[in-house]
């Protein structure tokens, strides 16, 4: 009986020594605002065929971040993970005409993840927002725009090209023959 009591007490002491996860980096209001979309908002884009694609913001969640929780924030429920190092905000825009999704996640210091799902091939882009470019849509020039472009080192084929504004969100995205441009 004493042995059982000793084992129980040892297990209880070991459990109290377990380090619980800490959040090392908080997400500031300015960082969270780098994704300008709000739940329920409707956003229209023109695709490469000049057809309108209508997206609605279907998820807007701030949560303790790790890779598993990132996946859950896009596709399901988020619970407190066993380890994480910061908070993140994920916003998902779902296409009304089909199962396409645009997913935006911001982490501290404006580390940014942009992914799209259901456009023939899925793509996930990681980096830091650095709005230092301009972009013109129709007759309007937008300043303080983040721009990234990448070509294949082997074939010089365009892999992707995208423009993003912290004020308006995704302005333009192109990958291969596919492209979408924000209707303002």
Protein backbone atom coordinates (compact mmCIF):
# COMPACT_ATOMS: atom_id res chain seq x y z
CA UNK A 1 0.00 0.00 0.00
CA UNK A 2 2.87 2.35 0.88
CA UNK A 3 4.45 1.56 -2.47
CA UNK A 4 1.25 2.56 -4.29
CA UNK A 5 1.03 5.78 -2.27
CA UNK A 6 4.70 6.56 -3.02
CA UNK A 7 4.18 5.98 -6.76
CA UNK A 8 1.07 8.19 -6.74
CA UNK A 9 2.87 11.00 -4.95
CA UNK A 10 5.84 10.73 -7.32
CA UNK A 11 3.57 10.98 -10.35
CA UNK A 12 1.79 13.98 -8.85
CA UNK A 13 5.12 15.73 -8.17
CA UNK A 14 6.35 14.99 -11.70
CA UNK A 15 3.15 16.45 -13.16
CA UNK A 16 3.58 19.67 -11.17
CA UNK A 17 7.13 20.05 -12.56
CA UNK A 18 5.96 19.87 -16.17
CA UNK A 19 6.48 23.16 -17.88
CA UNK A 20 3.30 24.55 -19.36
CA UNK A 21 3.56 26.31 -22.69
CA UNK A 22 4.41 29.98 -22.65
CA UNK A 23 3.72 32.50 -25.33
CA UNK A 24 6.95 34.27 -26.09
CA UNK A 25 5.60 36.66 -28.71
CA UNK A 26 2.28 38.42 -28.47
CA UNK A 27 0.51 39.61 -31.61
CA UNK A 28 0.08 43.39 -31.49
CA UNK A 29 -3.01 45.16 -32.81
CA UNK A 30 -0.93 46.62 -35.65
CA UNK A 31 0.35 43.18 -36.64
CA UNK A 32 -3.15 41.64 -36.50
CA UNK A 33 -4.45 44.55 -38.63
CA UNK A 34 -2.06 43.54 -41.44
CA UNK A 35 -4.95 41.35 -42.60
CA UNK A 36 -7.71 43.89 -43.35
CA UNK A 37 -10.57 41.43 -43.86
CA UNK A 38 -13.45 41.05 -41.40
CA UNK A 39 -15.74 38.06 -40.81
CA UNK A 40 -18.62 38.02 -43.31
CA UNK A 41 -16.99 40.53 -45.68
CA UNK A 42 -17.49 39.96 -49.43
CA UNK A 43 -14.46 40.44 -51.72
CA UNK A 44 -14.60 40.20 -55.52
CA UNK A 45 -11.78 39.32 -57.91
CA UNK A 46 -11.53 39.01 -61.69
CA UNK A 47 -9.83 35.84 -62.89
CA UNK A 48 -7.72 35.39 -66.04
CA UNK A 49 -10.92 34.90 -68.09
CA UNK A 50 -12.43 38.19 -66.82
CA UNK A 51 -14.98 36.23 -64.78
CA UNK A 52 -15.87 37.47 -61.31
CA UNK A 53 -14.95 35.25 -58.37
CA UNK A 54 -16.75 36.24 -55.17
CA UNK A 55 -15.15 35.35 -51.85
CA UNK A 56 -16.61 35.65 -48.38
CA UNK A 57 -14.58 35.78 -45.17
CA UNK A 58 -15.64 32.56 -43.44
CA UNK A 59 -13.04 32.37 -40.63
CA UNK A 60 -11.23 35.00 -38.60
CA UNK A 61 -9.43 33.52 -35.64
CA UNK A 62 -6.56 34.50 -33.33
CA UNK A 63 -4.94 31.57 -31.54
CA UNK A 64 -1.72 30.14 -30.01
CA UNK A 65 0.33 29.17 -33.06
CA UNK A 66 2.11 26.02 -34.08
CA UNK A 67 1.99 24.19 -37.41
CA UNK A 68 -0.82 21.84 -36.31
CA UNK A 69 -2.88 24.77 -35.05
CA UNK A 70 -2.27 26.64 -38.33
CA UNK A 71 -3.82 23.72 -40.22
CA UNK A 72 -6.72 23.57 -37.74
CA UNK A 73 -7.30 27.33 -37.99
CA UNK A 74 -7.89 26.97 -41.73
CA UNK A 75 -9.87 23.73 -41.72
CA UNK A 76 -11.29 23.14 -38.26
CA UNK A 77 -11.42 23.99 -34.60
CA UNK A 78 -8.46 25.28 -32.62
CA UNK A 79 -7.55 23.98 -29.17
CA UNK A 80 -4.64 24.95 -26.94
CA UNK A 81 -1.56 23.19 -28.31
CA UNK A 82 1.05 21.50 -26.13
CA UNK A 83 3.75 23.82 -27.49
CA UNK A 84 3.77 27.16 -29.25
CA UNK A 85 5.80 30.30 -29.33
CA UNK A 86 3.42 33.06 -30.35
CA UNK A 87 -0.08 34.06 -31.31
CA UNK A 88 -1.28 34.17 -34.90
CA UNK A 89 -4.31 35.50 -36.72
CA UNK A 90 -5.71 33.52 -39.65
CA UNK A 91 -8.40 34.76 -42.00
CA UNK A 92 -9.96 32.46 -44.62
CA UNK A 93 -11.84 33.68 -47.68
CA UNK A 94 -13.99 31.00 -49.32
CA UNK A 95 -15.13 31.28 -52.92
CA UNK A 96 -18.93 31.40 -53.23
CA UNK A 97 -18.75 29.68 -56.66
CA UNK A 98 -16.78 26.65 -55.48
CA UNK A 99 -14.38 25.17 -52.97
CA UNK A 100 -11.51 27.59 -53.52
CA UNK A 101 -9.97 29.34 -50.51
CA UNK A 102 -7.55 32.19 -49.93
CA UNK A 103 -5.88 31.93 -46.51
CA UNK A 104 -3.91 34.68 -44.79
CA UNK A 105 -1.99 34.29 -41.52
CA UNK A 106 0.04 36.91 -39.70
CA UNK A 107 2.52 36.21 -36.90
CA UNK A 108 4.54 38.64 -34.75
CA UNK A 109 6.84 41.03 -36.65
CA UNK A 110 4.45 40.70 -39.61
CA UNK A 111 5.69 37.28 -40.57
CA UNK A 112 3.11 36.33 -43.16
CA UNK A 113 1.73 33.12 -44.65
CA UNK A 114 -0.43 33.28 -47.76
CA UNK A 115 -1.89 30.14 -49.23
CA UNK A 116 -4.56 29.26 -51.69
CA UNK A 117 -6.38 25.98 -51.96
CA UNK A 118 -8.44 24.48 -54.77
CA UNK A 119 -7.05 26.41 -57.74
CA UNK A 120 -5.66 23.37 -59.51
CA UNK A 121 -2.50 23.34 -57.39
CA UNK A 122 -2.23 24.49 -53.80
CA UNK A 123 0.50 26.92 -52.81
CA UNK A 124 1.78 28.24 -49.48
CA UNK A 125 4.03 31.32 -49.40
CA UNK A 126 5.93 32.40 -46.27
CA UNK A 127 7.80 35.62 -45.63
CA UNK A 128 7.70 39.00 -43.94
CA UNK A 129 5.43 41.78 -45.15
CA UNK A 130 7.56 44.58 -46.51
CA UNK A 131 5.27 47.14 -48.13
CA UNK A 132 7.68 49.14 -50.26
CA UNK A 133 6.25 48.98 -53.77
CA UNK A 134 3.42 50.54 -55.77
CA UNK A 135 0.80 48.74 -57.83
CA UNK A 136 -1.76 50.08 -60.26
CA UNK A 137 -5.20 48.51 -60.65
CA UNK A 138 -7.08 50.08 -63.50
CA UNK A 139 -6.67 53.84 -62.92
CA UNK A 140 -5.75 53.74 -59.23
CA UNK A 141 -2.18 53.56 -58.00
CA UNK A 142 -1.70 51.94 -54.60
CA UNK A 143 1.37 52.72 -52.51
CA UNK A 144 2.93 50.77 -49.65
CA UNK A 145 2.26 47.44 -51.38
CA UNK A 146 4.08 44.19 -50.64
CA UNK A 147 5.24 42.55 -53.89
CA UNK A 148 6.84 39.16 -54.38
CA UNK A 149 7.75 37.49 -57.63
CA UNK A 150 9.58 34.22 -58.17
CA UNK A 151 10.85 32.56 -61.34
CA UNK A 152 12.17 29.01 -61.69
CA UNK A 153 15.97 28.91 -61.64
CA UNK A 154 15.87 26.12 -64.20
CA UNK A 155 13.28 27.22 -66.76
CA UNK A 156 12.78 30.96 -66.05
CA UNK A 157 9.06 30.15 -65.83
CA UNK A 158 7.03 32.43 -63.56
CA UNK A 159 6.23 30.46 -60.40
CA UNK A 160 4.16 33.21 -58.76
CA UNK A 161 3.70 36.95 -58.60
CA UNK A 162 1.55 38.67 -55.98
CA UNK A 163 0.72 42.11 -54.62
CA UNK A 164 -0.70 42.67 -51.15
CA UNK A 165 -1.79 45.83 -49.35
CA UNK A 166 -2.28 46.01 -45.58
CA UNK A 167 -5.10 48.45 -46.29
CA UNK A 168 -7.00 46.41 -48.91
CA UNK A 169 -5.61 42.86 -48.76
CA UNK A 170 -4.73 40.83 -51.85
CA UNK A 171 -4.60 43.04 -54.93
CA UNK A 172 -3.30 40.60 -57.51
CA UNK A 173 -2.02 37.03 -57.68
CA UNK A 174 -0.64 35.14 -60.66
CA UNK A 175 0.61 31.58 -60.94
CA UNK A 176 1.07 30.02 -64.36
CA UNK A 177 -2.04 30.65 -66.46
CA UNK A 178 -4.13 31.46 -63.38
CA UNK A 179 -4.55 34.99 -62.07
CA UNK A 180 -6.94 36.99 -59.92
CA UNK A 181 -7.16 40.77 -59.57
CA UNK A 182 -9.11 42.53 -56.84
CA UNK A 183 -12.18 44.48 -57.96
CA UNK A 184 -12.24 47.72 -55.99
